[in-house]
Amino acid sequence: MTDQLVRYSKFFTLIAGFVFGVIGTVWSFAFVDRSNDDLKRLTDQKAAVTREMQSLEGIAYSYFIANQQGDLIFMLGRQNDARRDVASLIYRGNLLDRATPVRNMIG
């Protein structure tokens, strides 16, 4: 009886190991690969959105610089009527991180 029980337990262990191995392989193909594909797709979408945001930030920065430079040109273009105090404030505001483009426009 004991030999028969040992033989059946070995057989059952072999069959259970095979079944769980097949289930793990099927699970890997059915779920894990699909999840990896979804993760790659979402990562690509995130990268695209990040590139768009950087592009829009660059456009907004360029627009702001052009707007400030236009204001300075307008104010300094009419030298007789120009309010020096307002022109000075605008110029100082542009010096924060935009000194070179503003100086080039004024110069």
C-alpha atoms as a PDB file:
ATOM      1  CA  MET A   1       0.000   0.000   0.000  1.00  0.00           C
ATOM      2  CA  THR A   2       2.814   2.393   0.855  1.00  0.00           C
ATOM      3  CA  ASP A   3       4.636   1.714  -2.419  1.00  0.00           C
ATOM      4  CA  GLN A   4       1.455   2.359  -4.354  1.00  0.00           C
ATOM      5  CA  LEU A   5       0.845   5.623  -2.481  1.00  0.00           C
ATOM      6  CA  VAL A   6       4.404   6.802  -3.180  1.00  0.00           C
ATOM      7  CA  ARG A   7       4.025   5.923  -6.881  1.00  0.00           C
ATOM      8  CA  TYR A   8       0.707   7.809  -7.151  1.00  0.00           C
ATOM      9  CA  SER A   9       2.104  10.831  -5.319  1.00  0.00           C
ATOM     10  CA  LYS A  10       5.096  10.956  -7.711  1.00  0.00           C
ATOM     11  CA  PHE A  11       2.747  10.626 -10.681  1.00  0.00           C
ATOM     12  CA  PHE A  12       0.413  13.302  -9.281  1.00  0.00           C
ATOM     13  CA  THR A  13       3.368  15.640  -8.631  1.00  0.00           C
ATOM     14  CA  LEU A  14       4.616  15.145 -12.192  1.00  0.00           C
ATOM     15  CA  ILE A  15       1.175  15.814 -13.705  1.00  0.00           C
ATOM     16  CA  ALA A  16       0.570  18.857 -11.411  1.00  0.00           C
ATOM     17  CA  GLY A  17       3.968  20.336 -12.332  1.00  0.00           C
ATOM     18  CA  PHE A  18       3.225  19.910 -16.044  1.00  0.00           C
ATOM     19  CA  VAL A  19      -0.244  21.492 -15.699  1.00  0.00           C
ATOM     20  CA  PHE A  20       1.051  24.469 -13.725  1.00  0.00           C
ATOM     21  CA  GLY A  21       3.892  24.944 -16.215  1.00  0.00           C
ATOM     22  CA  VAL A  22       1.439  25.048 -19.120  1.00  0.00           C
ATOM     23  CA  ILE A  23      -0.838  27.431 -17.218  1.00  0.00           C
ATOM     24  CA  GLY A  24       2.130  29.722 -16.491  1.00  0.00           C
ATOM     25  CA  THR A  25       3.175  29.752 -20.145  1.00  0.00           C
ATOM     26  CA  VAL A  26      -0.347  30.496 -21.356  1.00  0.00           C
ATOM     27  CA  TRP A  27      -0.683  33.217 -18.706  1.00  0.00           C
ATOM     28  CA  SER A  28       2.571  34.757 -19.888  1.00  0.00           C
ATOM     29  CA  PHE A  29       1.426  34.903 -23.501  1.00  0.00           C
ATOM     30  CA  ALA A  30      -2.149  35.958 -22.756  1.00  0.00           C
ATOM     31  CA  PHE A  31      -1.699  38.537 -20.017  1.00  0.00           C
ATOM     32  CA  VAL A  32       1.910  39.624 -19.493  1.00  0.00           C
ATOM     33  CA  ASP A  33       2.725  40.248 -23.160  1.00  0.00           C
ATOM     34  CA  ARG A  34      -0.499  42.203 -23.620  1.00  0.00           C
ATOM     35  CA  SER A  35       0.318  44.278 -20.529  1.00  0.00           C
ATOM     36  CA  ASN A  36       3.804  44.977 -21.882  1.00  0.00           C
ATOM     37  CA  ASP A  37       2.312  46.122 -25.188  1.00  0.00           C
ATOM     38  CA  ASP A  38      -0.087  48.433 -23.348  1.00  0.00           C
ATOM     39  CA  LEU A  39       2.783  49.798 -21.249  1.00  0.00           C
ATOM     40  CA  LYS A  40       4.865  50.496 -24.366  1.00  0.00           C
ATOM     41  CA  ARG A  41       1.927  52.224 -26.054  1.00  0.00           C
ATOM     42  CA  LEU A  42       1.276  54.409 -23.010  1.00  0.00           C
ATOM     43  CA  THR A  43       4.979  55.248 -22.685  1.00  0.00           C
ATOM     44  CA  ASP A  44       5.047  56.350 -26.330  1.00  0.00           C
ATOM     45  CA  GLN A  45       1.941  58.490 -25.783  1.00  0.00           C
ATOM     46  CA  LYS A  46       3.535  60.108 -22.726  1.00  0.00           C
ATOM     47  CA  ALA A  47       6.685  60.897 -24.709  1.00  0.00           C
ATOM     48  CA  ALA A  48       4.596  62.440 -27.506  1.00  0.00           C
ATOM     49  CA  VAL A  49       2.648  64.608 -25.066  1.00  0.00           C
ATOM     50  CA  THR A  50       5.895  65.699 -23.391  1.00  0.00           C
ATOM     51  CA  ARG A  51       7.338  66.732 -26.767  1.00  0.00           C
ATOM     52  CA  GLU A  52       4.158  68.686 -27.558  1.00  0.00           C
ATOM     53  CA  MET A  53       4.285  70.453 -24.189  1.00  0.00           C
ATOM     54  CA  GLN A  54       7.928  71.427 -24.711  1.00  0.00           C
ATOM     55  CA  SER A  55       7.079  72.713 -28.175  1.00  0.00           C
ATOM     56  CA  LEU A  56       4.168  74.777 -26.837  1.00  0.00           C
ATOM     57  CA  GLU A  57       6.320  76.161 -24.031  1.00  0.00           C
ATOM     58  CA  GLY A  58       8.920  77.211 -26.592  1.00  0.00           C
ATOM     59  CA  ILE A  59       6.268  78.877 -28.726  1.00  0.00           C
ATOM     60  CA  ALA A  60       4.821  80.694 -25.713  1.00  0.00           C
ATOM     61  CA  TYR A  61       8.295  81.870 -24.676  1.00  0.00           C
ATOM     62  CA  SER A  62       9.044  83.137 -28.196  1.00  0.00           C
ATOM     63  CA  TYR A  63       5.687  84.907 -28.333  1.00  0.00           C
ATOM     64  CA  PHE A  64       6.320  86.569 -24.977  1.00  0.00           C
ATOM     65  CA  ILE A  65       9.766  87.748 -26.068  1.00  0.00           C
ATOM     66  CA  ALA A  66       8.394  89.115 -29.340  1.00  0.00           C
ATOM     67  CA  ASN A  67       5.581  90.866 -27.486  1.00  0.00           C
ATOM     68  CA  GLN A  68       7.967  92.487 -25.009  1.00  0.00           C
ATOM     69  CA  GLN A  69      10.327  93.528 -27.757  1.00  0.00           C
ATOM     70  CA  GLY A  70       7.432  95.008 -29.699  1.00  0.00           C
ATOM     71  CA  ASP A  71       6.402  97.022 -26.658  1.00  0.00           C
ATOM     72  CA  LEU A  72       9.924  98.337 -26.242  1.00  0.00           C
ATOM     73  CA  ILE A  73      10.226  99.246 -29.912  1.00  0.00           C
ATOM     74  CA  PHE A  74       6.888 101.049 -29.805  1.00  0.00           C
ATOM     75  CA  MET A  75       7.773 102.990 -26.657  1.00  0.00           C
ATOM     76  CA  LEU A  76      11.319 103.834 -27.642  1.00  0.00           C
ATOM     77  CA  GLY A  77      10.370 104.559 -31.232  1.00  0.00           C
ATOM     78  CA  ARG A  78       8.571 107.700 -30.191  1.00  0.00           C
ATOM     79  CA  GLN A  79      11.449 109.240 -28.329  1.00  0.00           C
ATOM     80  CA  ASN A  80       9.812 112.639 -27.788  1.00  0.00           C
ATOM     81  CA  ASP A  81       6.659 111.230 -26.152  1.00  0.00           C
ATOM     82  CA  ALA A  82       8.219 108.185 -24.457  1.00  0.00           C
ATOM     83  CA  ARG A  83       7.706 107.792 -20.739  1.00  0.00           C
ATOM     84  CA  ARG A  84      11.162 106.924 -19.512  1.00  0.00           C
ATOM     85  CA  ASP A  85       9.911 105.440 -16.240  1.00  0.00           C
ATOM     86  CA  VAL A  86       7.638 102.903 -17.987  1.00  0.00           C
ATOM     87  CA  ALA A  87      10.324 102.077 -20.548  1.00  0.00           C
ATOM     88  CA  SER A  88      12.786 101.543 -17.706  1.00  0.00           C
ATOM     89  CA  LEU A  89      10.398  99.145 -15.915  1.00  0.00           C
ATOM     90  CA  ILE A  90       9.779  97.142 -19.078  1.00  0.00           C
ATOM     91  CA  TYR A  91      13.495  96.997 -19.801  1.00  0.00           C
ATOM     92  CA  ARG A  92      14.247  95.808 -16.254  1.00  0.00           C
ATOM     93  CA  GLY A  93      11.551  93.141 -16.565  1.00  0.00           C
ATOM     94  CA  ASN A  94      13.182  91.875 -19.722  1.00  0.00           C
ATOM     95  CA  LEU A  95      16.582  91.700 -18.040  1.00  0.00           C
ATOM     96  CA  LEU A  96      15.464  88.876 -15.758  1.00  0.00           C
ATOM     97  CA  ASP A  97      16.294  86.112 -18.200  1.00  0.00           C
ATOM     98  CA  ARG A  98      15.999  87.719 -21.606  1.00  0.00           C
ATOM     99  CA  ALA A  99      18.769  90.314 -21.629  1.00  0.00           C
ATOM    100  CA  THR A 100      20.473  89.465 -24.903  1.00  0.00           C
ATOM    101  CA  PRO A 101      17.424  89.489 -27.251  1.00  0.00           C
ATOM    102  CA  VAL A 102      16.120  92.753 -25.814  1.00  0.00           C
ATOM    103  CA  ARG A 103      19.513  94.449 -26.048  1.00  0.00           C
ATOM    104  CA  ASN A 104      19.832  93.292 -29.625  1.00  0.00           C
ATOM    105  CA  MET A 105      16.448  94.784 -30.499  1.00  0.00           C
ATOM    106  CA  ILE A 106      17.229  98.053 -28.736  1.00  0.00           C
ATOM    107  CA  GLY A 107      20.766  98.257 -30.112  1.00  0.00           C
END
